[in-house]
Amino acid sequence: MSQEYPYHDGMRRLQEARETRALADRLAEKTARYAFTDDDRAFMHGCSMFFLATADAHGQPDCSYKGGAPGFVRVVGEASLVFPDYDGNGMYRSLGNTLVNPQVGLLFIDFAQPRRLRVNGTARVVTDDPLMVEFPAAVMLVRIEATRIFPNCPRYIHHLTMDGLSEYTPRDAYVPPVPAWKTREHYRDVLPARDRMESTEPPSP
């Protein structure tokens, strides 16, 4: 899909069936954009999580949750953003997908004051980025070049409160505890060397 043609045939068929084609076109005209606004930037900088959709080279989809301290997603250009990848389970399903298919979709949600923003674009995984030093505990960074940015109606977002960040969230001058699964016997022998020593230590209560 290009900027000129935001809807493919499958979308059009459902729009025609539900008589929403004119509405869809007006929404694309009035809300879709190709550069971040100041409001977009403030919203994303304040988010402590988002969902990342990817697909492999055959189109097999995957979706993952990405979380961090507010500010872990940073707008760094007119249509560019960056976020850190932290230590995880080592499968690299999402980021591995981007190496063979860079097309991604990001969904940002505010559950306290219902709001959501979708960002479609292309992803690039980097390990030698000068911004690495600005993200504590980042293993690598992901840079996104947005091709389409658009808000969605928030009517079905449930009202939830955020009681605090996960104790595992990386941040300045803080060492998160070892996740409990890394201390289990059937994983210890396959952990990378960097994790084996700390995995023998019991996680913090």
Protein backbone atom coordinates (compact mmCIF):
# COMPACT_ATOMS: atom_id res chain seq x y z
CA MET A 1 0.00 0.00 0.00
CA SER A 2 1.29 3.44 -0.88
CA GLN A 3 0.46 6.85 0.49
CA GLU A 4 -1.95 7.33 -2.43
CA TYR A 5 -3.68 3.95 -2.00
CA PRO A 6 -3.98 3.13 1.72
CA TYR A 7 -6.50 0.29 1.23
CA HIS A 8 -6.03 -3.02 -0.58
CA ASP A 9 -8.74 -5.13 -2.20
CA GLY A 10 -9.58 -7.10 0.93
CA MET A 11 -10.19 -3.90 2.88
CA ARG A 12 -12.23 -2.44 0.05
CA ARG A 13 -14.45 -5.52 -0.16
CA LEU A 14 -15.40 -5.22 3.51
CA GLN A 15 -15.84 -1.46 3.23
CA GLU A 16 -18.23 -1.98 0.31
CA ALA A 17 -20.12 -4.70 2.18
CA ARG A 18 -20.54 -2.46 5.23
CA GLU A 19 -21.02 0.78 3.27
CA THR A 20 -18.01 2.41 4.96
CA ARG A 21 -15.85 3.16 1.91
CA ALA A 22 -16.55 6.90 1.97
CA LEU A 23 -15.91 7.03 5.72
CA ALA A 24 -12.66 5.07 5.33
CA ASP A 25 -11.49 7.46 2.64
CA ARG A 26 -12.33 10.49 4.78
CA LEU A 27 -10.48 9.03 7.77
CA ALA A 28 -7.43 8.37 5.60
CA GLU A 29 -7.63 11.94 4.32
CA LYS A 30 -8.09 13.62 7.69
CA THR A 31 -6.20 11.48 10.19
CA ALA A 32 -3.45 9.51 8.44
CA ARG A 33 -0.10 11.27 8.33
CA TYR A 34 3.48 10.59 7.33
CA ALA A 35 5.31 12.61 9.97
CA PHE A 36 4.99 12.65 13.75
CA THR A 37 3.24 15.61 15.33
CA ASP A 38 4.35 17.17 18.60
CA ASP A 39 1.34 15.48 20.18
CA ASP A 40 2.35 12.08 18.77
CA ARG A 41 5.84 12.57 20.15
CA ALA A 42 4.60 13.49 23.64
CA PHE A 43 2.19 10.55 23.68
CA MET A 44 4.75 7.94 22.65
CA HIS A 45 7.44 9.33 24.95
CA GLY A 46 5.00 8.90 27.84
CA CYS A 47 4.16 5.28 27.00
CA SER A 48 5.65 2.45 29.04
CA MET A 49 4.57 -0.24 26.57
CA PHE A 50 3.42 -0.95 23.03
CA PHE A 51 2.66 -3.94 20.82
CA LEU A 52 4.89 -4.84 17.87
CA ALA A 53 3.52 -6.82 14.91
CA THR A 54 5.95 -8.50 12.50
CA ALA A 55 5.90 -11.24 9.88
CA ASP A 56 8.52 -13.60 8.52
CA ALA A 57 9.61 -13.94 4.88
CA HIS A 58 6.56 -16.15 4.17
CA GLY A 59 4.07 -13.76 5.78
CA GLN A 60 3.65 -15.82 8.97
CA PRO A 61 2.67 -13.19 11.58
CA ASP A 62 3.84 -12.64 15.12
CA CYS A 63 2.99 -10.05 17.76
CA SER A 64 4.93 -9.12 20.87
CA TYR A 65 4.68 -6.82 23.85
CA LYS A 66 7.48 -4.29 24.38
CA GLY A 67 7.79 -2.54 27.71
CA GLY A 68 10.13 -0.12 29.44
CA ALA A 69 10.27 3.03 31.49
CA PRO A 70 8.43 6.00 29.93
CA GLY A 71 10.74 7.50 27.33
CA PHE A 72 12.06 4.14 26.12
CA VAL A 73 10.41 4.90 22.78
CA ARG A 74 11.92 8.03 21.32
CA VAL A 75 11.00 10.02 18.22
CA VAL A 76 14.31 10.99 16.60
CA GLY A 77 13.20 12.42 13.27
CA GLU A 78 10.25 13.65 11.27
CA ALA A 79 9.07 10.07 10.71
CA SER A 80 11.68 8.12 12.68
CA LEU A 81 11.61 6.52 16.10
CA VAL A 82 13.91 4.26 18.07
CA PHE A 83 13.42 1.83 20.93
CA PRO A 84 15.77 -0.51 22.82
CA ASP A 85 15.76 -4.28 22.86
CA TYR A 86 16.39 -5.61 26.34
CA ASP A 87 17.50 -9.05 27.53
CA GLY A 88 14.73 -11.57 26.93
CA ASN A 89 14.27 -15.26 26.24
CA GLY A 90 16.71 -15.28 23.32
CA MET A 91 14.27 -16.52 20.67
CA TYR A 92 14.30 -13.19 18.78
CA ARG A 93 11.03 -13.94 17.04
CA SER A 94 10.07 -10.31 16.41
CA LEU A 95 13.48 -8.84 15.71
CA GLY A 96 14.49 -11.94 13.73
CA ASN A 97 11.44 -11.38 11.55
CA THR A 98 12.56 -7.83 10.79
CA LEU A 99 15.84 -9.14 9.36
CA VAL A 100 13.93 -11.04 6.65
CA ASN A 101 10.87 -8.79 6.40
CA PRO A 102 11.30 -5.23 7.69
CA GLN A 103 7.60 -4.33 7.49
CA VAL A 104 6.22 -3.73 11.00
CA GLY A 105 3.20 -2.35 12.81
CA LEU A 106 3.30 -0.68 16.24
CA LEU A 107 0.28 -0.09 18.45
CA PHE A 108 0.51 2.38 21.36
CA ILE A 109 -2.31 2.38 23.94
CA ASP A 110 -3.10 4.57 26.92
CA PHE A 111 -5.44 2.58 29.18
CA ALA A 112 -5.85 5.29 31.83
CA GLN A 113 -7.10 7.97 29.44
CA PRO A 114 -8.21 5.84 26.50
CA ARG A 115 -6.19 6.61 23.43
CA ARG A 116 -4.34 4.63 20.77
CA LEU A 117 -1.96 5.34 17.93
CA ARG A 118 -0.83 3.02 15.14
CA VAL A 119 2.49 3.33 13.35
CA ASN A 120 3.32 1.28 10.25
CA GLY A 121 6.80 1.32 8.81
CA THR A 122 10.08 -0.47 8.25
CA ALA A 123 12.46 -1.66 10.95
CA ARG A 124 16.23 -1.84 11.17
CA VAL A 125 18.09 -3.56 14.03
CA VAL A 126 21.36 -1.86 15.01
CA THR A 127 24.07 -2.68 17.56
CA ASP A 128 26.55 0.14 16.97
CA ASP A 129 24.15 3.07 17.23
CA PRO A 130 25.46 6.15 19.08
CA LEU A 131 22.16 6.29 20.99
CA MET A 132 22.90 2.95 22.69
CA VAL A 133 24.53 4.74 25.63
CA GLU A 134 21.28 6.57 26.32
CA PHE A 135 19.29 3.38 26.95
CA PRO A 136 20.45 1.53 30.10
CA ALA A 137 20.75 -2.25 29.59
CA ALA A 138 19.93 -2.08 25.87
CA VAL A 139 21.22 -5.11 23.95
CA MET A 140 20.51 -3.46 20.60
CA LEU A 141 18.29 -0.74 19.20
CA VAL A 142 15.49 -0.88 16.67
CA ARG A 143 15.02 2.06 14.35
CA ILE A 144 11.65 2.50 12.66
CA GLU A 145 10.98 4.63 9.59
CA ALA A 146 7.25 5.33 9.63
CA THR A 147 5.30 5.06 6.38
CA ARG A 148 1.89 5.70 7.91
CA ILE A 149 0.83 7.13 11.27
CA PHE A 150 -2.78 7.20 12.34
CA PRO A 151 -4.89 7.35 15.51
CA ASN A 152 -7.70 4.89 16.13
CA CYS A 153 -11.04 5.34 17.85
CA PRO A 154 -10.48 4.52 21.56
CA ARG A 155 -14.07 3.54 22.39
CA TYR A 156 -13.33 -0.14 23.14
CA ILE A 157 -10.23 0.44 25.24
CA HIS A 158 -10.93 -0.77 28.76
CA HIS A 159 -10.10 1.58 31.61
CA LEU A 160 -7.10 0.16 33.46
CA THR A 161 -4.73 1.75 35.94
CA MET A 162 -0.96 1.40 35.86
CA ASP A 163 0.24 0.63 39.38
CA GLY A 164 3.93 0.89 38.57
CA LEU A 165 6.69 -0.40 36.37
CA SER A 166 7.76 -4.04 36.42
CA GLU A 167 10.66 -4.63 38.81
CA TYR A 168 12.59 -6.00 35.80
CA THR A 169 12.35 -2.74 33.82
CA PRO A 170 15.86 -1.41 33.00
CA ARG A 171 16.55 2.15 34.10
CA ASP A 172 19.41 4.34 35.27
CA ALA A 173 21.38 3.25 38.36
CA TYR A 174 19.26 0.12 38.87
CA VAL A 175 20.10 -3.56 38.46
CA PRO A 176 16.96 -5.67 37.90
CA PRO A 177 16.69 -9.06 39.61
CA VAL A 178 17.31 -12.28 37.69
CA PRO A 179 14.05 -13.61 36.18
CA ALA A 180 12.90 -16.76 37.92
CA TRP A 181 12.82 -18.88 34.76
CA LYS A 182 16.58 -18.46 34.32
CA THR A 183 17.14 -20.20 37.67
CA ARG A 184 15.28 -23.37 36.64
CA GLU A 185 17.42 -26.44 36.25
CA HIS A 186 16.30 -27.36 32.73
CA TYR A 187 17.43 -23.98 31.33
CA ARG A 188 20.68 -23.36 33.17
CA ASP A 189 22.92 -25.45 30.93
CA VAL A 190 21.76 -23.70 27.74
CA LEU A 191 22.00 -20.12 29.00
CA PRO A 192 24.63 -17.91 27.36
CA ALA A 193 27.81 -17.67 29.43
CA ARG A 194 26.95 -14.11 30.43
CA ASP A 195 23.79 -15.36 32.17
CA ARG A 196 25.04 -18.51 33.88
CA MET A 197 26.68 -16.90 36.88
CA GLU A 198 23.81 -14.60 37.73
CA SER A 199 21.24 -17.37 37.14
CA THR A 200 22.62 -19.26 40.12
CA GLU A 201 21.58 -16.39 42.36
CA PRO A 202 17.97 -16.53 43.59
CA PRO A 203 15.73 -13.76 42.23
CA SER A 204 14.84 -10.89 44.51
CA PRO A 205 11.56 -11.34 46.42
